[in-house]
Amino acid sequence: GKNYLIISGVPKSTAVDIKETGVTPYLLGLVTFILCFYLITKRKMKEIEEIALGLMEIAKGNLHYRIREKSNDEVGSLATNINYMAFELNEMIERQRQAEKLKDELITNVSHDLRTPLTSIMGYLRLVKDHQFNTQAQLDEYIDIAYGKSEQLKKLVEDLFDFTRLTYQGVQLKKEKVSLNQMIR
């Protein structure tokens, strides 16, 4: 069995020898362990619950929400990484919105630029179709104007094609040093 020695009293002390048998010491040790474990892990569990709530808030779309970083251990590192992820996602979404806005502006500008020569081509071809010309020279002039506008339209379409090809294929510009004097000459 287990023996315990309890000494009490100062300066005169008496010793009492207690012999304990059974499950009481084991039960007392187990209760002490569970109590200590609960007190130690309670703070970490609360921190993990706050991280879970923060993740739910971020998952709802609130990318400006930040989880409070309470410690410098693995749980604190997790909170830091989640905050960084939310920041990067927010930045990526902002870049996509900006690119979408630029794309919309480009489409608006391109549609206007394409409509202008197309309207001229259609107008001159309508004049030719309706025989609204007096001489062969005037007919040739209308055809030349329509042809010139169609060339302009073709150039605009090619420029648009080049732009979209360069944008979506991620072509990198090759930079070279040039002599400005030579270029001006």
N, C-alpha and C. Protein backbone atom coordinates (compact mmCIF):
# COMPACT_ATOMS: atom_id res chain seq x y z
N GLY A 1 0.81 -1.18 0.00
CA GLY A 1 0.00 0.00 0.00
C GLY A 1 0.85 1.24 0.00
N LYS A 2 0.25 2.37 -0.09
CA LYS A 2 0.93 3.65 -0.10
C LYS A 2 0.92 4.21 1.31
N ASN A 3 2.02 4.84 1.69
CA ASN A 3 2.14 5.48 2.99
C ASN A 3 2.35 6.96 2.79
N TYR A 4 1.68 7.76 3.62
CA TYR A 4 1.84 9.20 3.59
C TYR A 4 2.27 9.65 4.96
N LEU A 5 3.11 10.65 4.96
CA LEU A 5 3.61 11.18 6.22
C LEU A 5 3.20 12.64 6.30
N ILE A 6 2.45 13.00 7.33
CA ILE A 6 2.03 14.37 7.53
C ILE A 6 2.70 14.87 8.79
N ILE A 7 3.39 16.01 8.64
CA ILE A 7 4.10 16.59 9.78
C ILE A 7 3.46 17.95 10.05
N SER A 8 3.06 18.20 11.26
CA SER A 8 2.44 19.48 11.57
C SER A 8 3.01 20.01 12.87
N GLY A 9 2.89 21.33 13.05
CA GLY A 9 3.33 21.96 14.30
C GLY A 9 4.71 22.52 14.20
N VAL A 10 4.90 23.67 14.84
CA VAL A 10 6.20 24.31 14.87
C VAL A 10 6.34 24.90 16.27
N PRO A 11 7.37 24.86 16.95
CA PRO A 11 8.59 24.10 16.70
C PRO A 11 8.47 22.63 17.06
N LYS A 12 7.44 22.29 17.81
CA LYS A 12 7.28 20.90 18.19
C LYS A 12 6.36 20.27 17.18
N SER A 13 6.79 19.22 16.56
CA SER A 13 5.98 18.61 15.53
C SER A 13 5.67 17.18 15.89
N THR A 14 4.60 16.74 15.35
CA THR A 14 4.25 15.34 15.54
C THR A 14 4.04 14.74 14.17
N ALA A 15 4.39 13.56 14.02
CA ALA A 15 4.26 12.85 12.75
C ALA A 15 3.11 11.87 12.85
N VAL A 16 2.30 11.92 11.83
CA VAL A 16 1.18 10.99 11.76
C VAL A 16 1.36 10.17 10.50
N ASP A 17 1.34 8.92 10.59
CA ASP A 17 1.51 8.02 9.46
C ASP A 17 0.13 7.56 9.00
N ILE A 18 -0.21 7.96 7.74
CA ILE A 18 -1.51 7.57 7.20
C ILE A 18 -1.26 6.56 6.10
N LYS A 19 -1.87 5.47 6.22
CA LYS A 19 -1.79 4.44 5.18
C LYS A 19 -3.08 4.51 4.39
N GLU A 20 -2.94 4.80 3.08
CA GLU A 20 -4.11 4.97 2.22
C GLU A 20 -4.13 3.81 1.24
N THR A 21 -5.21 3.19 1.19
CA THR A 21 -5.39 2.10 0.23
C THR A 21 -6.68 2.35 -0.55
N GLY A 22 -6.78 1.76 -1.70
CA GLY A 22 -7.99 1.89 -2.50
C GLY A 22 -7.78 2.84 -3.67
N VAL A 23 -8.86 3.35 -4.20
CA VAL A 23 -8.83 4.15 -5.40
C VAL A 23 -8.81 5.65 -5.11
N THR A 24 -8.92 6.06 -3.87
CA THR A 24 -9.00 7.48 -3.53
C THR A 24 -7.81 8.28 -4.05
N PRO A 25 -6.57 7.85 -3.86
CA PRO A 25 -5.45 8.64 -4.39
C PRO A 25 -5.48 8.75 -5.92
N TYR A 26 -5.85 7.66 -6.56
CA TYR A 26 -5.91 7.68 -8.03
C TYR A 26 -7.02 8.61 -8.53
N LEU A 27 -8.14 8.52 -7.84
CA LEU A 27 -9.26 9.38 -8.19
C LEU A 27 -8.92 10.85 -7.96
N LEU A 28 -8.24 11.14 -6.83
CA LEU A 28 -7.82 12.50 -6.54
C LEU A 28 -6.82 12.99 -7.59
N GLY A 29 -5.90 12.17 -8.03
CA GLY A 29 -4.94 12.53 -9.08
C GLY A 29 -5.63 12.77 -10.42
N LEU A 30 -6.61 11.94 -10.74
CA LEU A 30 -7.34 12.10 -11.99
C LEU A 30 -8.15 13.40 -12.00
N VAL A 31 -8.81 13.69 -10.89
CA VAL A 31 -9.59 14.93 -10.79
C VAL A 31 -8.66 16.13 -10.89
N THR A 32 -7.51 16.07 -10.25
CA THR A 32 -6.54 17.16 -10.31
C THR A 32 -6.05 17.35 -11.74
N PHE A 33 -5.75 16.25 -12.43
CA PHE A 33 -5.30 16.32 -13.83
C PHE A 33 -6.37 16.95 -14.72
N ILE A 34 -7.60 16.49 -14.59
CA ILE A 34 -8.69 17.01 -15.43
C ILE A 34 -8.90 18.49 -15.17
N LEU A 35 -8.86 18.89 -13.91
CA LEU A 35 -9.04 20.30 -13.55
C LEU A 35 -7.92 21.16 -14.14
N CYS A 36 -6.69 20.71 -14.01
CA CYS A 36 -5.54 21.45 -14.57
C CYS A 36 -5.63 21.50 -16.10
N PHE A 37 -5.97 20.37 -16.72
CA PHE A 37 -6.10 20.32 -18.17
C PHE A 37 -7.18 21.28 -18.66
N TYR A 38 -8.31 21.30 -17.95
CA TYR A 38 -9.41 22.19 -18.33
C TYR A 38 -8.99 23.65 -18.22
N LEU A 39 -8.35 24.01 -17.13
CA LEU A 39 -7.95 25.40 -16.94
C LEU A 39 -6.90 25.83 -17.97
N ILE A 40 -6.00 24.93 -18.31
CA ILE A 40 -4.94 25.27 -19.28
C ILE A 40 -5.52 25.39 -20.69
N THR A 41 -6.41 24.46 -21.06
CA THR A 41 -6.91 24.45 -22.44
C THR A 41 -8.11 25.37 -22.65
N LYS A 42 -8.73 25.86 -21.59
CA LYS A 42 -9.91 26.73 -21.73
C LYS A 42 -9.57 27.98 -22.54
N ARG A 43 -8.44 28.59 -22.26
CA ARG A 43 -8.02 29.81 -22.96
C ARG A 43 -7.77 29.52 -24.44
N LYS A 44 -7.12 28.40 -24.74
CA LYS A 44 -6.86 28.05 -26.13
C LYS A 44 -8.14 27.72 -26.88
N MET A 45 -9.06 27.05 -26.21
CA MET A 45 -10.33 26.72 -26.87
C MET A 45 -11.12 27.99 -27.17
N LYS A 46 -11.07 28.96 -26.28
CA LYS A 46 -11.76 30.23 -26.54
C LYS A 46 -11.12 30.94 -27.73
N GLU A 47 -9.81 30.89 -27.82
CA GLU A 47 -9.10 31.50 -28.95
C GLU A 47 -9.46 30.79 -30.26
N ILE A 48 -9.56 29.47 -30.23
CA ILE A 48 -9.93 28.71 -31.42
C ILE A 48 -11.37 29.01 -31.82
N GLU A 49 -12.26 29.17 -30.83
CA GLU A 49 -13.65 29.53 -31.13
C GLU A 49 -13.72 30.90 -31.79
N GLU A 50 -12.90 31.86 -31.33
CA GLU A 50 -12.88 33.18 -31.95
C GLU A 50 -12.38 33.10 -33.39
N ILE A 51 -11.40 32.24 -33.64
CA ILE A 51 -10.91 32.05 -35.01
C ILE A 51 -12.01 31.45 -35.88
N ALA A 52 -12.75 30.49 -35.34
CA ALA A 52 -13.85 29.87 -36.10
C ALA A 52 -14.92 30.90 -36.42
N LEU A 53 -15.26 31.75 -35.46
CA LEU A 53 -16.25 32.80 -35.71
C LEU A 53 -15.73 33.80 -36.75
N GLY A 54 -14.45 34.13 -36.66
CA GLY A 54 -13.85 35.02 -37.64
C GLY A 54 -13.87 34.43 -39.03
N LEU A 55 -13.60 33.14 -39.13
CA LEU A 55 -13.65 32.46 -40.43
C LEU A 55 -15.07 32.47 -40.99
N MET A 56 -16.06 32.30 -40.13
CA MET A 56 -17.45 32.37 -40.59
C MET A 56 -17.77 33.76 -41.13
N GLU A 57 -17.28 34.79 -40.46
CA GLU A 57 -17.51 36.17 -40.91
C GLU A 57 -16.83 36.41 -42.25
N ILE A 58 -15.61 35.93 -42.40
CA ILE A 58 -14.88 36.08 -43.67
C ILE A 58 -15.57 35.28 -44.77
N ALA A 59 -16.06 34.08 -44.42
CA ALA A 59 -16.75 33.24 -45.41
C ALA A 59 -18.04 33.89 -45.89
N LYS A 60 -18.65 34.73 -45.06
CA LYS A 60 -19.87 35.44 -45.47
C LYS A 60 -19.56 36.55 -46.46
N GLY A 61 -18.28 36.88 -46.64
CA GLY A 61 -17.91 37.89 -47.62
C GLY A 61 -17.32 39.14 -47.02
N ASN A 62 -17.25 39.22 -45.70
CA ASN A 62 -16.67 40.40 -45.04
C ASN A 62 -15.15 40.23 -44.99
N LEU A 63 -14.48 40.60 -46.08
CA LEU A 63 -13.03 40.41 -46.15
C LEU A 63 -12.26 41.48 -45.40
N HIS A 64 -12.96 42.46 -44.86
CA HIS A 64 -12.29 43.49 -44.04
C HIS A 64 -12.22 43.07 -42.57
N TYR A 65 -12.89 41.98 -42.20
CA TYR A 65 -12.87 41.50 -40.82
C TYR A 65 -11.50 40.92 -40.51
N ARG A 66 -10.98 41.22 -39.34
CA ARG A 66 -9.68 40.69 -38.92
C ARG A 66 -9.84 39.96 -37.59
N ILE A 67 -9.20 38.82 -37.49
CA ILE A 67 -9.21 38.02 -36.27
C ILE A 67 -8.14 38.56 -35.33
N ARG A 68 -8.50 38.73 -34.07
CA ARG A 68 -7.54 39.25 -33.10
C ARG A 68 -6.48 38.19 -32.81
N GLU A 69 -5.24 38.58 -32.89
CA GLU A 69 -4.12 37.65 -32.69
C GLU A 69 -3.68 37.77 -31.23
N LYS A 70 -3.97 36.72 -30.43
CA LYS A 70 -3.74 36.79 -29.00
C LYS A 70 -2.40 36.20 -28.56
N SER A 71 -1.88 35.29 -29.34
CA SER A 71 -0.66 34.60 -28.88
C SER A 71 0.33 34.48 -30.03
N ASN A 72 1.52 34.03 -29.67
CA ASN A 72 2.58 33.85 -30.67
C ASN A 72 2.83 32.39 -30.98
N ASP A 73 1.92 31.51 -30.58
CA ASP A 73 2.10 30.08 -30.84
C ASP A 73 1.41 29.70 -32.15
N GLU A 74 1.13 28.42 -32.32
CA GLU A 74 0.54 27.94 -33.56
C GLU A 74 -0.84 28.53 -33.80
N VAL A 75 -1.62 28.70 -32.74
CA VAL A 75 -2.97 29.26 -32.89
C VAL A 75 -2.88 30.73 -33.31
N GLY A 76 -1.95 31.47 -32.73
CA GLY A 76 -1.74 32.86 -33.14
C GLY A 76 -1.25 32.95 -34.57
N SER A 77 -0.38 32.02 -34.96
CA SER A 77 0.10 31.97 -36.34
C SER A 77 -1.04 31.66 -37.31
N LEU A 78 -1.95 30.81 -36.90
CA LEU A 78 -3.12 30.51 -37.71
C LEU A 78 -3.97 31.76 -37.92
N ALA A 79 -4.20 32.52 -36.86
CA ALA A 79 -4.97 33.76 -36.97
C ALA A 79 -4.26 34.75 -37.90
N THR A 80 -2.94 34.86 -37.78
CA THR A 80 -2.17 35.75 -38.66
C THR A 80 -2.32 35.33 -40.11
N ASN A 81 -2.21 34.05 -40.38
CA ASN A 81 -2.32 33.55 -41.75
C ASN A 81 -3.72 33.75 -42.32
N ILE A 82 -4.74 33.59 -41.50
CA ILE A 82 -6.11 33.81 -41.96
C ILE A 82 -6.31 35.28 -42.29
N ASN A 83 -5.79 36.17 -41.46
CA ASN A 83 -5.89 37.61 -41.73
C ASN A 83 -5.17 37.97 -43.03
N TYR A 84 -4.01 37.38 -43.25
CA TYR A 84 -3.25 37.63 -44.47
C TYR A 84 -4.03 37.13 -45.69
N MET A 85 -4.64 35.94 -45.55
CA MET A 85 -5.44 35.38 -46.65
C MET A 85 -6.61 36.30 -46.98
N ALA A 86 -7.29 36.80 -45.96
CA ALA A 86 -8.44 37.70 -46.20
C ALA A 86 -7.98 38.98 -46.88
N PHE A 87 -6.83 39.50 -46.46
CA PHE A 87 -6.29 40.72 -47.08
C PHE A 87 -5.97 40.48 -48.54
N GLU A 88 -5.30 39.36 -48.85
CA GLU A 88 -4.94 39.04 -50.23
C GLU A 88 -6.17 38.80 -51.10
N LEU A 89 -7.18 38.12 -50.55
CA LEU A 89 -8.41 37.92 -51.31
C LEU A 89 -9.09 39.25 -51.62
N ASN A 90 -9.11 40.13 -50.63
CA ASN A 90 -9.72 41.44 -50.83
C ASN A 90 -8.96 42.22 -51.91
N GLU A 91 -7.64 42.18 -51.87
CA GLU A 91 -6.83 42.87 -52.88
C GLU A 91 -7.08 42.27 -54.27
N MET A 92 -7.18 40.95 -54.35
CA MET A 92 -7.41 40.29 -55.64
C MET A 92 -8.78 40.68 -56.20
N ILE A 93 -9.78 40.73 -55.35
CA ILE A 93 -11.12 41.12 -55.80
C ILE A 93 -11.11 42.57 -56.28
N GLU A 94 -10.40 43.43 -55.57
CA GLU A 94 -10.30 44.84 -56.00
C GLU A 94 -9.61 44.96 -57.36
N ARG A 95 -8.54 44.17 -57.56
CA ARG A 95 -7.86 44.18 -58.86
C ARG A 95 -8.79 43.68 -59.96
N GLN A 96 -9.58 42.65 -59.67
CA GLN A 96 -10.52 42.13 -60.67
C GLN A 96 -11.59 43.17 -60.99
N ARG A 97 -12.08 43.86 -59.97
CA ARG A 97 -13.08 44.91 -60.21
C ARG A 97 -12.50 46.01 -61.08
N GLN A 98 -11.26 46.39 -60.79
CA GLN A 98 -10.62 47.44 -61.60
C GLN A 98 -10.43 46.97 -63.04
N ALA A 99 -10.01 45.72 -63.21
CA ALA A 99 -9.84 45.18 -64.57
C ALA A 99 -11.18 45.12 -65.29
N GLU A 100 -12.23 44.74 -64.58
CA GLU A 100 -13.56 44.69 -65.19
C GLU A 100 -14.02 46.08 -65.61
N LYS A 101 -13.73 47.07 -64.77
CA LYS A 101 -14.09 48.45 -65.10
C LYS A 101 -13.34 48.92 -66.34
N LEU A 102 -12.04 48.62 -66.39
CA LEU A 102 -11.25 48.99 -67.56
C LEU A 102 -11.75 48.28 -68.82
N LYS A 103 -12.14 47.03 -68.67
CA LYS A 103 -12.65 46.28 -69.81
C LYS A 103 -13.95 46.90 -70.31
N ASP A 104 -14.82 47.28 -69.39
CA ASP A 104 -16.08 47.92 -69.80
C ASP A 104 -15.82 49.24 -70.52
N GLU A 105 -14.87 50.02 -70.01
CA GLU A 105 -14.53 51.28 -70.67
C GLU A 105 -13.95 51.02 -72.06
N LEU A 106 -13.11 49.99 -72.18
CA LEU A 106 -12.52 49.64 -73.47
C LEU A 106 -13.61 49.24 -74.46
N ILE A 107 -14.55 48.43 -74.02
CA ILE A 107 -15.62 47.99 -74.92
C ILE A 107 -16.44 49.19 -75.38
N THR A 108 -16.72 50.11 -74.45
CA THR A 108 -17.48 51.31 -74.82
C THR A 108 -16.72 52.14 -75.85
N ASN A 109 -15.43 52.36 -75.60
CA ASN A 109 -14.63 53.15 -76.53
C ASN A 109 -14.47 52.46 -77.88
N VAL A 110 -14.23 51.16 -77.85
CA VAL A 110 -14.04 50.42 -79.11
C VAL A 110 -15.33 50.42 -79.91
N SER A 111 -16.46 50.21 -79.24
CA SER A 111 -17.72 50.19 -79.99
C SER A 111 -17.99 51.55 -80.63
N HIS A 112 -17.63 52.63 -79.94
CA HIS A 112 -17.80 53.96 -80.54
C HIS A 112 -16.85 54.14 -81.72
N ASP A 113 -15.59 53.74 -81.52
CA ASP A 113 -14.60 53.90 -82.59
C ASP A 113 -14.92 53.04 -83.81
N LEU A 114 -15.52 51.88 -83.61
CA LEU A 114 -15.89 51.02 -84.73
C LEU A 114 -17.15 51.53 -85.43
N ARG A 115 -18.05 52.11 -84.68
CA ARG A 115 -19.31 52.59 -85.25
C ARG A 115 -19.09 53.77 -86.20
N THR A 116 -18.12 54.63 -85.90
CA THR A 116 -17.90 55.83 -86.71
C THR A 116 -17.56 55.49 -88.17
N PRO A 117 -16.51 54.70 -88.45
CA PRO A 117 -16.25 54.39 -89.87
C PRO A 117 -17.33 53.52 -90.49
N LEU A 118 -17.94 52.66 -89.70
CA LEU A 118 -18.99 51.80 -90.23
C LEU A 118 -20.18 52.63 -90.70
N THR A 119 -20.53 53.66 -89.95
CA THR A 119 -21.62 54.55 -90.35
C THR A 119 -21.29 55.26 -91.66
N SER A 120 -20.06 55.71 -91.80
CA SER A 120 -19.66 56.36 -93.05
C SER A 120 -19.72 55.39 -94.23
N ILE A 121 -19.24 54.18 -94.03
CA ILE A 121 -19.26 53.17 -95.09
C ILE A 121 -20.70 52.90 -95.52
N MET A 122 -21.57 52.71 -94.54
CA MET A 122 -22.96 52.42 -94.85
C MET A 122 -23.62 53.60 -95.58
N GLY A 123 -23.30 54.82 -95.16
CA GLY A 123 -23.88 55.99 -95.81
C GLY A 123 -23.47 56.11 -97.26
N TYR A 124 -22.19 55.96 -97.53
CA TYR A 124 -21.71 56.07 -98.92
C TYR A 124 -22.21 54.91 -99.77
N LEU A 125 -22.27 53.72 -99.20
CA LEU A 125 -22.79 52.59 -99.97
C LEU A 125 -24.28 52.76 -100.24
N ARG A 126 -25.01 53.38 -99.32
CA ARG A 126 -26.44 53.67 -99.55
C ARG A 126 -26.60 54.65 -100.71
N LEU A 127 -25.71 55.67 -100.75
CA LEU A 127 -25.75 56.63 -101.87
C LEU A 127 -25.52 55.93 -103.20
N VAL A 128 -24.55 55.01 -103.21
CA VAL A 128 -24.25 54.27 -104.43
C VAL A 128 -25.42 53.37 -104.80
N LYS A 129 -25.98 52.68 -103.84
CA LYS A 129 -27.09 51.75 -104.10
C LYS A 129 -28.31 52.49 -104.63
N ASP A 130 -28.58 53.69 -104.07
CA ASP A 130 -29.75 54.47 -104.48
C ASP A 130 -29.46 55.35 -105.70
N HIS A 131 -28.27 55.18 -106.27
CA HIS A 131 -27.86 55.95 -107.46
C HIS A 131 -27.93 57.46 -107.19
N GLN A 132 -27.43 57.88 -106.05
CA GLN A 132 -27.42 59.29 -105.66
C GLN A 132 -26.09 59.94 -106.04
N PHE A 133 -25.68 59.77 -107.24
CA PHE A 133 -24.45 60.39 -107.74
C PHE A 133 -24.73 60.91 -109.14
N ASN A 134 -24.00 61.95 -109.53
CA ASN A 134 -24.26 62.59 -110.82
C ASN A 134 -23.30 62.11 -111.91
N THR A 135 -22.05 61.89 -111.51
CA THR A 135 -21.06 61.52 -112.51
C THR A 135 -20.31 60.28 -112.05
N GLN A 136 -19.57 59.72 -112.98
CA GLN A 136 -18.72 58.57 -112.66
C GLN A 136 -17.64 58.98 -111.66
N ALA A 137 -17.16 60.20 -111.74
CA ALA A 137 -16.14 60.70 -110.81
C ALA A 137 -16.70 60.75 -109.39
N GLN A 138 -17.95 61.18 -109.27
CA GLN A 138 -18.57 61.24 -107.94
C GLN A 138 -18.78 59.82 -107.40
N LEU A 139 -19.16 58.88 -108.25
CA LEU A 139 -19.30 57.47 -107.84
C LEU A 139 -17.96 56.93 -107.36
N ASP A 140 -16.90 57.21 -108.15
CA ASP A 140 -15.56 56.75 -107.74
C ASP A 140 -15.14 57.37 -106.41
N GLU A 141 -15.50 58.62 -106.19
CA GLU A 141 -15.17 59.30 -104.92
C GLU A 141 -15.89 58.62 -103.75
N TYR A 142 -17.18 58.30 -103.93
CA TYR A 142 -17.94 57.63 -102.88
C TYR A 142 -17.34 56.26 -102.56
N ILE A 143 -16.97 55.55 -103.63
CA ILE A 143 -16.37 54.22 -103.43
C ILE A 143 -15.02 54.34 -102.75
N ASP A 144 -14.22 55.32 -103.14
CA ASP A 144 -12.91 55.52 -102.49
C ASP A 144 -13.07 55.86 -101.01
N ILE A 145 -14.04 56.72 -100.69
CA ILE A 145 -14.27 57.07 -99.29
C ILE A 145 -14.71 55.84 -98.50
N ALA A 146 -15.65 55.06 -99.07
CA ALA A 146 -16.12 53.85 -98.38
C ALA A 146 -14.97 52.86 -98.20
N TYR A 147 -14.12 52.73 -99.23
CA TYR A 147 -12.98 51.83 -99.13
C TYR A 147 -12.00 52.31 -98.05
N GLY A 148 -11.72 53.60 -98.03
CA GLY A 148 -10.82 54.16 -97.02
C GLY A 148 -11.35 53.94 -95.60
N LYS A 149 -12.65 54.13 -95.42
CA LYS A 149 -13.26 53.91 -94.11
C LYS A 149 -13.23 52.43 -93.73
N SER A 150 -13.39 51.55 -94.73
CA SER A 150 -13.31 50.11 -94.43
C SER A 150 -11.90 49.71 -94.04
N GLU A 151 -10.89 50.36 -94.66
CA GLU A 151 -9.50 50.12 -94.25
C GLU A 151 -9.28 50.58 -92.81
N GLN A 152 -9.85 51.73 -92.46
CA GLN A 152 -9.76 52.25 -91.09
C GLN A 152 -10.43 51.29 -90.12
N LEU A 153 -11.58 50.77 -90.50
CA LEU A 153 -12.30 49.81 -89.67
C LEU A 153 -11.49 48.53 -89.49
N LYS A 154 -10.88 48.06 -90.56
CA LYS A 154 -10.04 46.86 -90.51
C LYS A 154 -8.87 47.08 -89.55
N LYS A 155 -8.25 48.25 -89.61
CA LYS A 155 -7.13 48.57 -88.72
C LYS A 155 -7.58 48.57 -87.25
N LEU A 156 -8.74 49.15 -87.00
CA LEU A 156 -9.26 49.16 -85.62
C LEU A 156 -9.53 47.75 -85.11
N VAL A 157 -10.11 46.91 -85.95
CA VAL A 157 -10.39 45.53 -85.56
C VAL A 157 -9.09 44.77 -85.31
N GLU A 158 -8.08 44.97 -86.15
CA GLU A 158 -6.78 44.32 -85.94
C GLU A 158 -6.12 44.78 -84.65
N ASP A 159 -6.22 46.09 -84.38
CA ASP A 159 -5.67 46.62 -83.12
C ASP A 159 -6.37 46.00 -81.92
N LEU A 160 -7.68 45.87 -82.00
CA LEU A 160 -8.43 45.25 -80.92
C LEU A 160 -8.03 43.80 -80.75
N PHE A 161 -7.87 43.10 -81.85
CA PHE A 161 -7.43 41.70 -81.79
C PHE A 161 -6.05 41.59 -81.14
N ASP A 162 -5.12 42.45 -81.55
CA ASP A 162 -3.78 42.44 -80.95
C ASP A 162 -3.84 42.72 -79.46
N PHE A 163 -4.66 43.69 -79.09
CA PHE A 163 -4.79 44.04 -77.67
C PHE A 163 -5.30 42.85 -76.87
N THR A 164 -6.37 42.21 -77.33
CA THR A 164 -6.92 41.07 -76.58
C THR A 164 -5.94 39.90 -76.56
N ARG A 165 -5.24 39.68 -77.65
CA ARG A 165 -4.25 38.59 -77.68
C ARG A 165 -3.14 38.86 -76.68
N LEU A 166 -2.65 40.08 -76.65
CA LEU A 166 -1.57 40.42 -75.71
C LEU A 166 -2.06 40.37 -74.27
N THR A 167 -3.29 40.76 -74.04
CA THR A 167 -3.83 40.78 -72.68
C THR A 167 -4.04 39.37 -72.15
N TYR A 168 -4.64 38.50 -72.94
CA TYR A 168 -5.00 37.17 -72.44
C TYR A 168 -3.87 36.17 -72.51
N GLN A 169 -2.89 36.39 -73.37
CA GLN A 169 -1.77 35.46 -73.42
C GLN A 169 -0.64 35.88 -72.51
N GLY A 170 -0.75 37.04 -71.90
CA GLY A 170 0.25 37.49 -70.95
C GLY A 170 1.61 37.71 -71.58
N VAL A 171 1.65 38.26 -72.78
CA VAL A 171 2.91 38.51 -73.47
C VAL A 171 3.68 39.59 -72.72
N GLN A 172 4.92 39.31 -72.45
CA GLN A 172 5.77 40.26 -71.76
C GLN A 172 6.47 41.17 -72.76
N LEU A 173 6.56 42.43 -72.42
CA LEU A 173 7.26 43.37 -73.29
C LEU A 173 8.77 43.14 -73.17
N LYS A 174 9.46 43.23 -74.29
CA LYS A 174 10.90 43.12 -74.28
C LYS A 174 11.46 44.53 -74.36
N LYS A 175 12.07 44.97 -73.30
CA LYS A 175 12.58 46.34 -73.25
C LYS A 175 14.01 46.38 -73.77
N GLU A 176 14.27 47.39 -74.59
CA GLU A 176 15.62 47.58 -75.14
C GLU A 176 15.97 49.05 -75.04
N LYS A 177 17.23 49.32 -74.87
CA LYS A 177 17.70 50.70 -74.88
C LYS A 177 17.80 51.16 -76.32
N VAL A 178 17.32 52.37 -76.57
CA VAL A 178 17.38 52.93 -77.91
C VAL A 178 17.99 54.33 -77.83
N SER A 179 18.57 54.71 -78.95
CA SER A 179 19.12 56.06 -79.06
C SER A 179 18.03 56.97 -79.53
N LEU A 180 17.68 57.95 -78.69
CA LEU A 180 16.62 58.90 -79.05
C LEU A 180 17.01 59.73 -80.26
N ASN A 181 18.29 60.12 -80.34
CA ASN A 181 18.74 60.90 -81.49
C ASN A 181 18.55 60.12 -82.79
N GLN A 182 18.94 58.88 -82.78
CA GLN A 182 18.80 58.04 -83.97
C GLN A 182 17.32 57.84 -84.33
N MET A 183 16.48 57.68 -83.35
CA MET A 183 15.06 57.49 -83.60
C MET A 183 14.45 58.77 -84.20
N ILE A 184 14.85 59.93 -83.70
CA ILE A 184 14.32 61.17 -84.21
C ILE A 184 14.77 61.41 -85.64
N ARG A 185 16.04 61.06 -85.94
CA ARG A 185 16.54 61.20 -87.32
C ARG A 185 15.75 60.32 -88.24
